[in-house]
Amino acid sequence: MKEPIDEMKVNIQATLEQAKDRSEGLQSEINRLKECVEETKLVVTETKQSVMEAGEVLYTQKRYKRLLNRNRKTKPAKAGSR
């Protein structure tokens, strides 16, 4: 009767070791995914900043073009009236 108990103990120990290995593997994978999420957050933040800066540049270009067009329209009128 001692043999089945010893065999059961060995099986339980093996199962516990397998569960521990799986748990460590999962924890390692979770940590890797957390690092990926942090890297993605940094990329998204940089992208947002780049888009905002590009928007500011486009707005400034548009504004200057409008001002130039206004100046071009007014200059010939002044020159023609002289």
PDB file of N, CA and C in Angstrom:
ATOM      1  N   MET A   1       0.818  -1.192   0.000  1.00  0.00           N
ATOM      2  CA  MET A   1       0.000   0.000   0.000  1.00  0.00           C
ATOM      3  C   MET A   1       0.862   1.257   0.000  1.00  0.00           C
ATOM      4  N   LYS A   2       2.093   1.128   0.418  1.00  0.00           N
ATOM      5  CA  LYS A   2       2.974   2.293   0.446  1.00  0.00           C
ATOM      6  C   LYS A   2       3.363   2.729  -0.964  1.00  0.00           C
ATOM      7  N   GLU A   3       3.464   1.760  -1.876  1.00  0.00           N
ATOM      8  CA  GLU A   3       3.868   2.088  -3.249  1.00  0.00           C
ATOM      9  C   GLU A   3       2.887   3.037  -3.940  1.00  0.00           C
ATOM     10  N   PRO A   4       1.594   2.807  -3.875  1.00  0.00           N
ATOM     11  CA  PRO A   4       0.667   3.745  -4.529  1.00  0.00           C
ATOM     12  C   PRO A   4       0.744   5.149  -3.941  1.00  0.00           C
ATOM     13  N   ILE A   5       0.975   5.256  -2.646  1.00  0.00           N
ATOM     14  CA  ILE A   5       1.090   6.572  -2.023  1.00  0.00           C
ATOM     15  C   ILE A   5       2.353   7.277  -2.498  1.00  0.00           C
ATOM     16  N   ASP A   6       3.470   6.534  -2.557  1.00  0.00           N
ATOM     17  CA  ASP A   6       4.729   7.108  -3.050  1.00  0.00           C
ATOM     18  C   ASP A   6       4.587   7.535  -4.512  1.00  0.00           C
ATOM     19  N   GLU A   7       3.915   6.692  -5.302  1.00  0.00           N
ATOM     20  CA  GLU A   7       3.703   7.015  -6.716  1.00  0.00           C
ATOM     21  C   GLU A   7       2.830   8.265  -6.848  1.00  0.00           C
ATOM     22  N   MET A   8       1.807   8.366  -6.008  1.00  0.00           N
ATOM     23  CA  MET A   8       0.936   9.533  -6.028  1.00  0.00           C
ATOM     24  C   MET A   8       1.717  10.796  -5.651  1.00  0.00           C
ATOM     25  N   LYS A   9       2.603  10.683  -4.656  1.00  0.00           N
ATOM     26  CA  LYS A   9       3.422  11.823  -4.250  1.00  0.00           C
ATOM     27  C   LYS A   9       4.327  12.267  -5.397  1.00  0.00           C
ATOM     28  N   VAL A  10       4.921  11.304  -6.100  1.00  0.00           N
ATOM     29  CA  VAL A  10       5.792  11.622  -7.240  1.00  0.00           C
ATOM     30  C   VAL A  10       4.975  12.313  -8.333  1.00  0.00           C
ATOM     31  N   ASN A  11       3.794  11.798  -8.605  1.00  0.00           N
ATOM     32  CA  ASN A  11       2.924  12.403  -9.634  1.00  0.00           C
ATOM     33  C   ASN A  11       2.523  13.822  -9.242  1.00  0.00           C
ATOM     34  N   ILE A  12       2.167  13.997  -7.979  1.00  0.00           N
ATOM     35  CA  ILE A  12       1.786  15.336  -7.507  1.00  0.00           C
ATOM     36  C   ILE A  12       2.962  16.287  -7.628  1.00  0.00           C
ATOM     37  N   GLN A  13       4.160  15.835  -7.240  1.00  0.00           N
ATOM     38  CA  GLN A  13       5.363  16.673  -7.327  1.00  0.00           C
ATOM     39  C   GLN A  13       5.646  17.055  -8.783  1.00  0.00           C
ATOM     40  N   ALA A  14       5.520  16.091  -9.694  1.00  0.00           N
ATOM     41  CA  ALA A  14       5.748  16.361 -11.120  1.00  0.00           C
ATOM     42  C   ALA A  14       4.733  17.369 -11.634  1.00  0.00           C
ATOM     43  N   THR A  15       3.489  17.212 -11.224  1.00  0.00           N
ATOM     44  CA  THR A  15       2.440  18.141 -11.651  1.00  0.00           C
ATOM     45  C   THR A  15       2.708  19.544 -11.128  1.00  0.00           C
ATOM     46  N   LEU A  16       3.134  19.627  -9.874  1.00  0.00           N
ATOM     47  CA  LEU A  16       3.457  20.936  -9.295  1.00  0.00           C
ATOM     48  C   LEU A  16       4.620  21.599 -10.030  1.00  0.00           C
ATOM     49  N   GLU A  17       5.635  20.819 -10.382  1.00  0.00           N
ATOM     50  CA  GLU A  17       6.782  21.379 -11.113  1.00  0.00           C
ATOM     51  C   GLU A  17       6.367  21.862 -12.503  1.00  0.00           C
ATOM     52  N   GLN A  18       5.506  21.097 -13.163  1.00  0.00           N
ATOM     53  CA  GLN A  18       5.023  21.513 -14.484  1.00  0.00           C
ATOM     54  C   GLN A  18       4.203  22.798 -14.373  1.00  0.00           C
ATOM     55  N   ALA A  19       3.371  22.867 -13.347  1.00  0.00           N
ATOM     56  CA  ALA A  19       2.558  24.074 -13.149  1.00  0.00           C
ATOM     57  C   ALA A  19       3.452  25.269 -12.855  1.00  0.00           C
ATOM     58  N   LYS A  20       4.504  25.045 -12.066  1.00  0.00           N
ATOM     59  CA  LYS A  20       5.442  26.137 -11.752  1.00  0.00           C
ATOM     60  C   LYS A  20       6.152  26.606 -13.016  1.00  0.00           C
ATOM     61  N   ASP A  21       6.584  25.658 -13.843  1.00  0.00           N
ATOM     62  CA  ASP A  21       7.241  26.030 -15.103  1.00  0.00           C
ATOM     63  C   ASP A  21       6.295  26.835 -15.997  1.00  0.00           C
ATOM     64  N   ARG A  22       5.032  26.375 -16.105  1.00  0.00           N
ATOM     65  CA  ARG A  22       4.056  27.109 -16.919  1.00  0.00           C
ATOM     66  C   ARG A  22       3.812  28.502 -16.357  1.00  0.00           C
ATOM     67  N   SER A  23       3.728  28.573 -15.039  1.00  0.00           N
ATOM     68  CA  SER A  23       3.496  29.864 -14.387  1.00  0.00           C
ATOM     69  C   SER A  23       4.650  30.820 -14.661  1.00  0.00           C
ATOM     70  N   GLU A  24       5.881  30.314 -14.555  1.00  0.00           N
ATOM     71  CA  GLU A  24       7.050  31.152 -14.846  1.00  0.00           C
ATOM     72  C   GLU A  24       7.050  31.587 -16.308  1.00  0.00           C
ATOM     73  N   GLY A  25       6.672  30.685 -17.205  1.00  0.00           N
ATOM     74  CA  GLY A  25       6.599  31.017 -18.629  1.00  0.00           C
ATOM     75  C   GLY A  25       5.562  32.096 -18.893  1.00  0.00           C
ATOM     76  N   LEU A  26       4.403  31.948 -18.249  1.00  0.00           N
ATOM     77  CA  LEU A  26       3.349  32.949 -18.413  1.00  0.00           C
ATOM     78  C   LEU A  26       3.789  34.295 -17.851  1.00  0.00           C
ATOM     79  N   GLN A  27       4.434  34.278 -16.702  1.00  0.00           N
ATOM     80  CA  GLN A  27       4.895  35.532 -16.095  1.00  0.00           C
ATOM     81  C   GLN A  27       5.916  36.212 -16.996  1.00  0.00           C
ATOM     82  N   SER A  28       6.805  35.410 -17.580  1.00  0.00           N
ATOM     83  CA  SER A  28       7.796  35.958 -18.512  1.00  0.00           C
ATOM     84  C   SER A  28       7.109  36.585 -19.720  1.00  0.00           C
ATOM     85  N   GLU A  29       6.095  35.907 -20.248  1.00  0.00           N
ATOM     86  CA  GLU A  29       5.347  36.425 -21.397  1.00  0.00           C
ATOM     87  C   GLU A  29       4.601  37.705 -21.035  1.00  0.00           C
ATOM     88  N   ILE A  30       4.017  37.741 -19.849  1.00  0.00           N
ATOM     89  CA  ILE A  30       3.301  38.939 -19.393  1.00  0.00           C
ATOM     90  C   ILE A  30       4.267  40.114 -19.291  1.00  0.00           C
ATOM     91  N   ASN A  31       5.437  39.886 -18.734  1.00  0.00           N
ATOM     92  CA  ASN A  31       6.436  40.958 -18.616  1.00  0.00           C
ATOM     93  C   ASN A  31       6.874  41.456 -19.983  1.00  0.00           C
ATOM     94  N   ARG A  32       7.051  40.517 -20.929  1.00  0.00           N
ATOM     95  CA  ARG A  32       7.440  40.906 -22.287  1.00  0.00           C
ATOM     96  C   ARG A  32       6.340  41.765 -22.920  1.00  0.00           C
ATOM     97  N   LEU A  33       5.088  41.360 -22.726  1.00  0.00           N
ATOM     98  CA  LEU A  33       3.974  42.128 -23.278  1.00  0.00           C
ATOM     99  C   LEU A  33       3.872  43.510 -22.641  1.00  0.00           C
ATOM    100  N   LYS A  34       4.137  43.594 -21.339  1.00  0.00           N
ATOM    101  CA  LYS A  34       4.112  44.896 -20.668  1.00  0.00           C
ATOM    102  C   LYS A  34       5.167  45.822 -21.265  1.00  0.00           C
ATOM    103  N   GLU A  35       6.354  45.282 -21.544  1.00  0.00           N
ATOM    104  CA  GLU A  35       7.406  46.087 -22.172  1.00  0.00           C
ATOM    105  C   GLU A  35       6.964  46.566 -23.552  1.00  0.00           C
ATOM    106  N   CYS A  36       6.317  45.678 -24.304  1.00  0.00           N
ATOM    107  CA  CYS A  36       5.822  46.052 -25.636  1.00  0.00           C
ATOM    108  C   CYS A  36       4.789  47.174 -25.535  1.00  0.00           C
ATOM    109  N   VAL A  37       3.917  47.096 -24.542  1.00  0.00           N
ATOM    110  CA  VAL A  37       2.902  48.128 -24.357  1.00  0.00           C
ATOM    111  C   VAL A  37       3.564  49.463 -24.051  1.00  0.00           C
ATOM    112  N   GLU A  38       4.582  49.454 -23.196  1.00  0.00           N
ATOM    113  CA  GLU A  38       5.286  50.697 -22.859  1.00  0.00           C
ATOM    114  C   GLU A  38       5.962  51.289 -24.093  1.00  0.00           C
ATOM    115  N   GLU A  39       6.598  50.440 -24.893  1.00  0.00           N
ATOM    116  CA  GLU A  39       7.243  50.915 -26.126  1.00  0.00           C
ATOM    117  C   GLU A  39       6.193  51.506 -27.076  1.00  0.00           C
ATOM    118  N   THR A  40       5.050  50.845 -27.185  1.00  0.00           N
ATOM    119  CA  THR A  40       3.983  51.328 -28.061  1.00  0.00           C
ATOM    120  C   THR A  40       3.465  52.676 -27.583  1.00  0.00           C
ATOM    121  N   LYS A  41       3.324  52.837 -26.261  1.00  0.00           N
ATOM    122  CA  LYS A  41       2.886  54.120 -25.714  1.00  0.00           C
ATOM    123  C   LYS A  41       3.854  55.227 -26.092  1.00  0.00           C
ATOM    124  N   LEU A  42       5.166  54.940 -26.013  1.00  0.00           N
ATOM    125  CA  LEU A  42       6.165  55.946 -26.388  1.00  0.00           C
ATOM    126  C   LEU A  42       6.039  56.313 -27.865  1.00  0.00           C
ATOM    127  N   VAL A  43       5.865  55.312 -28.704  1.00  0.00           N
ATOM    128  CA  VAL A  43       5.737  55.571 -30.145  1.00  0.00           C
ATOM    129  C   VAL A  43       4.488  56.402 -30.427  1.00  0.00           C
ATOM    130  N   VAL A  44       3.382  56.068 -29.761  1.00  0.00           N
ATOM    131  CA  VAL A  44       2.139  56.815 -29.968  1.00  0.00           C
ATOM    132  C   VAL A  44       2.312  58.261 -29.526  1.00  0.00           C
ATOM    133  N   THR A  45       2.979  58.471 -28.392  1.00  0.00           N
ATOM    134  CA  THR A  45       3.207  59.830 -27.902  1.00  0.00           C
ATOM    135  C   THR A  45       4.062  60.617 -28.891  1.00  0.00           C
ATOM    136  N   GLU A  46       5.127  59.991 -29.393  1.00  0.00           N
ATOM    137  CA  GLU A  46       5.983  60.667 -30.376  1.00  0.00           C
ATOM    138  C   GLU A  46       5.199  60.979 -31.647  1.00  0.00           C
ATOM    139  N   THR A  47       4.363  60.045 -32.067  1.00  0.00           N
ATOM    140  CA  THR A  47       3.567  60.251 -33.284  1.00  0.00           C
ATOM    141  C   THR A  47       2.585  61.398 -33.103  1.00  0.00           C
ATOM    142  N   LYS A  48       1.923  61.442 -31.949  1.00  0.00           N
ATOM    143  CA  LYS A  48       0.993  62.541 -31.677  1.00  0.00           C
ATOM    144  C   LYS A  48       1.720  63.873 -31.736  1.00  0.00           C
ATOM    145  N   GLN A  49       2.896  63.921 -31.133  1.00  0.00           N
ATOM    146  CA  GLN A  49       3.660  65.168 -31.127  1.00  0.00           C
ATOM    147  C   GLN A  49       4.045  65.567 -32.549  1.00  0.00           C
ATOM    148  N   SER A  50       4.479  64.594 -33.340  1.00  0.00           N
ATOM    149  CA  SER A  50       4.846  64.887 -34.733  1.00  0.00           C
ATOM    150  C   SER A  50       3.654  65.398 -35.524  1.00  0.00           C
ATOM    151  N   VAL A  51       2.494  64.787 -35.320  1.00  0.00           N
ATOM    152  CA  VAL A  51       1.289  65.209 -36.045  1.00  0.00           C
ATOM    153  C   VAL A  51       0.898  66.625 -35.637  1.00  0.00           C
ATOM    154  N   MET A  52       0.995  66.919 -34.343  1.00  0.00           N
ATOM    155  CA  MET A  52       0.664  68.270 -33.882  1.00  0.00           C
ATOM    156  C   MET A  52       1.623  69.294 -34.483  1.00  0.00           C
ATOM    157  N   GLU A  53       2.909  68.968 -34.494  1.00  0.00           N
ATOM    158  CA  GLU A  53       3.891  69.897 -35.074  1.00  0.00           C
ATOM    159  C   GLU A  53       3.647  70.077 -36.562  1.00  0.00           C
ATOM    160  N   ALA A  54       3.327  68.988 -37.259  1.00  0.00           N
ATOM    161  CA  ALA A  54       3.044  69.096 -38.690  1.00  0.00           C
ATOM    162  C   ALA A  54       1.800  69.950 -38.920  1.00  0.00           C
ATOM    163  N   GLY A  55       0.805  69.793 -38.060  1.00  0.00           N
ATOM    164  CA  GLY A  55      -0.402  70.613 -38.171  1.00  0.00           C
ATOM    165  C   GLY A  55      -0.088  72.087 -37.994  1.00  0.00           C
ATOM    166  N   GLU A  56       0.789  72.395 -37.043  1.00  0.00           N
ATOM    167  CA  GLU A  56       1.186  73.791 -36.829  1.00  0.00           C
ATOM    168  C   GLU A  56       1.911  74.341 -38.043  1.00  0.00           C
ATOM    169  N   VAL A  57       2.777  73.533 -38.633  1.00  0.00           N
ATOM    170  CA  VAL A  57       3.512  73.972 -39.831  1.00  0.00           C
ATOM    171  C   VAL A  57       2.534  74.233 -40.968  1.00  0.00           C
ATOM    172  N   LEU A  58       1.596  73.315 -41.179  1.00  0.00           N
ATOM    173  CA  LEU A  58       0.610  73.506 -42.257  1.00  0.00           C
ATOM    174  C   LEU A  58      -0.244  74.745 -42.023  1.00  0.00           C
ATOM    175  N   TYR A  59      -0.656  74.963 -40.784  1.00  0.00           N
ATOM    176  CA  TYR A  59      -1.453  76.146 -40.464  1.00  0.00           C
ATOM    177  C   TYR A  59      -0.661  77.417 -40.770  1.00  0.00           C
ATOM    178  N   THR A  60       0.611  77.426 -40.376  1.00  0.00           N
ATOM    179  CA  THR A  60       1.463  78.597 -40.615  1.00  0.00           C
ATOM    180  C   THR A  60       1.649  78.826 -42.118  1.00  0.00           C
ATOM    181  N   GLN A  61       1.874  77.749 -42.862  1.00  0.00           N
ATOM    182  CA  GLN A  61       2.025  77.880 -44.313  1.00  0.00           C
ATOM    183  C   GLN A  61       0.759  78.461 -44.937  1.00  0.00           C
ATOM    184  N   LYS A  62      -0.374  77.961 -44.515  1.00  0.00           N
ATOM    185  CA  LYS A  62      -1.645  78.440 -45.041  1.00  0.00           C
ATOM    186  C   LYS A  62      -1.833  79.925 -44.743  1.00  0.00           C
ATOM    187  N   ARG A  63      -1.503  80.297 -43.509  1.00  0.00           N
ATOM    188  CA  ARG A  63      -1.655  81.688 -43.101  1.00  0.00           C
ATOM    189  C   ARG A  63      -0.763  82.609 -43.941  1.00  0.00           C
ATOM    190  N   TYR A  64       0.489  82.201 -44.126  1.00  0.00           N
ATOM    191  CA  TYR A  64       1.394  83.026 -44.931  1.00  0.00           C
ATOM    192  C   TYR A  64       0.951  83.104 -46.380  1.00  0.00           C
ATOM    193  N   LYS A  65       0.431  82.010 -46.921  1.00  0.00           N
ATOM    194  CA  LYS A  65      -0.052  82.041 -48.302  1.00  0.00           C
ATOM    195  C   LYS A  65      -1.213  83.011 -48.437  1.00  0.00           C
ATOM    196  N   ARG A  66      -2.130  82.993 -47.442  1.00  0.00           N
ATOM    197  CA  ARG A  66      -3.247  83.939 -47.467  1.00  0.00           C
ATOM    198  C   ARG A  66      -2.741  85.374 -47.417  1.00  0.00           C
ATOM    199  N   LEU A  67      -1.770  85.614 -46.539  1.00  0.00           N
ATOM    200  CA  LEU A  67      -1.210  86.968 -46.436  1.00  0.00           C
ATOM    201  C   LEU A  67      -0.533  87.384 -47.729  1.00  0.00           C
ATOM    202  N   LEU A  68       0.229  86.463 -48.339  1.00  0.00           N
ATOM    203  CA  LEU A  68       0.887  86.777 -49.609  1.00  0.00           C
ATOM    204  C   LEU A  68      -0.140  87.074 -50.699  1.00  0.00           C
ATOM    205  N   ASN A  69      -1.208  86.269 -50.749  1.00  0.00           N
ATOM    206  CA  ASN A  69      -2.244  86.500 -51.752  1.00  0.00           C
ATOM    207  C   ASN A  69      -2.925  87.843 -51.531  1.00  0.00           C
ATOM    208  N   ARG A  70      -3.144  88.207 -50.290  1.00  0.00           N
ATOM    209  CA  ARG A  70      -3.730  89.516 -50.000  1.00  0.00           C
ATOM    210  C   ARG A  70      -2.822  90.634 -50.473  1.00  0.00           C
ATOM    211  N   ASN A  71      -1.532  90.504 -50.181  1.00  0.00           N
ATOM    212  CA  ASN A  71      -0.567  91.526 -50.592  1.00  0.00           C
ATOM    213  C   ASN A  71      -0.465  91.605 -52.113  1.00  0.00           C
ATOM    214  N   ARG A  72      -0.523  90.482 -52.782  1.00  0.00           N
ATOM    215  CA  ARG A  72      -0.442  90.484 -54.246  1.00  0.00           C
ATOM    216  C   ARG A  72      -1.672  91.152 -54.854  1.00  0.00           C
ATOM    217  N   LYS A  73      -2.819  90.928 -54.241  1.00  0.00           N
ATOM    218  CA  LYS A  73      -4.052  91.520 -54.764  1.00  0.00           C
ATOM    219  C   LYS A  73      -4.064  93.030 -54.545  1.00  0.00           C
ATOM    220  N   THR A  74      -3.519  93.489 -53.454  1.00  0.00           N
ATOM    221  CA  THR A  74      -3.575  94.915 -53.155  1.00  0.00           C
ATOM    222  C   THR A  74      -2.482  95.688 -53.882  1.00  0.00           C
ATOM    223  N   LYS A  75      -1.334  95.107 -54.092  1.00  0.00           N
ATOM    224  CA  LYS A  75      -0.233  95.828 -54.748  1.00  0.00           C
ATOM    225  C   LYS A  75      -0.563  96.244 -56.182  1.00  0.00           C
ATOM    226  N   PRO A  76      -1.066  95.364 -57.028  1.00  0.00           N
ATOM    227  CA  PRO A  76      -1.386  95.813 -58.392  1.00  0.00           C
ATOM    228  C   PRO A  76      -2.453  96.899 -58.415  1.00  0.00           C
ATOM    229  N   ALA A  77      -3.383  96.873 -57.526  1.00  0.00           N
ATOM    230  CA  ALA A  77      -4.414  97.901 -57.492  1.00  0.00           C
ATOM    231  C   ALA A  77      -3.784  99.238 -57.171  1.00  0.00           C
ATOM    232  N   LYS A  78      -2.852  99.263 -56.245  1.00  0.00           N
ATOM    233  CA  LYS A  78      -2.181 100.508 -55.910  1.00  0.00           C
ATOM    234  C   LYS A  78      -1.336 100.998 -57.061  1.00  0.00           C
ATOM    235  N   ALA A  79      -0.657 100.071 -57.712  1.00  0.00           N
ATOM    236  CA  ALA A  79       0.214 100.459 -58.837  1.00  0.00           C
ATOM    237  C   ALA A  79      -0.635 100.967 -60.007  1.00  0.00           C
ATOM    238  N   GLY A  80      -1.779 100.371 -60.233  1.00  0.00           N
ATOM    239  CA  GLY A  80      -2.633 100.775 -61.351  1.00  0.00           C
ATOM    240  C   GLY A  80      -3.310 102.116 -61.104  1.00  0.00           C
ATOM    241  N   SER A  81      -3.510 102.500 -59.864  1.00  0.00           N
ATOM    242  CA  SER A  81      -4.201 103.743 -59.582  1.00  0.00           C
ATOM    243  C   SER A  81      -3.267 104.935 -59.679  1.00  0.00           C
ATOM    244  N   ARG A  82      -2.012 104.706 -59.748  1.00  0.00           N
ATOM    245  CA  ARG A  82      -1.052 105.826 -59.821  1.00  0.00           C
ATOM    246  C   ARG A  82      -0.894 106.375 -61.162  1.00  0.00           C
TER     247      ARG A  82
END
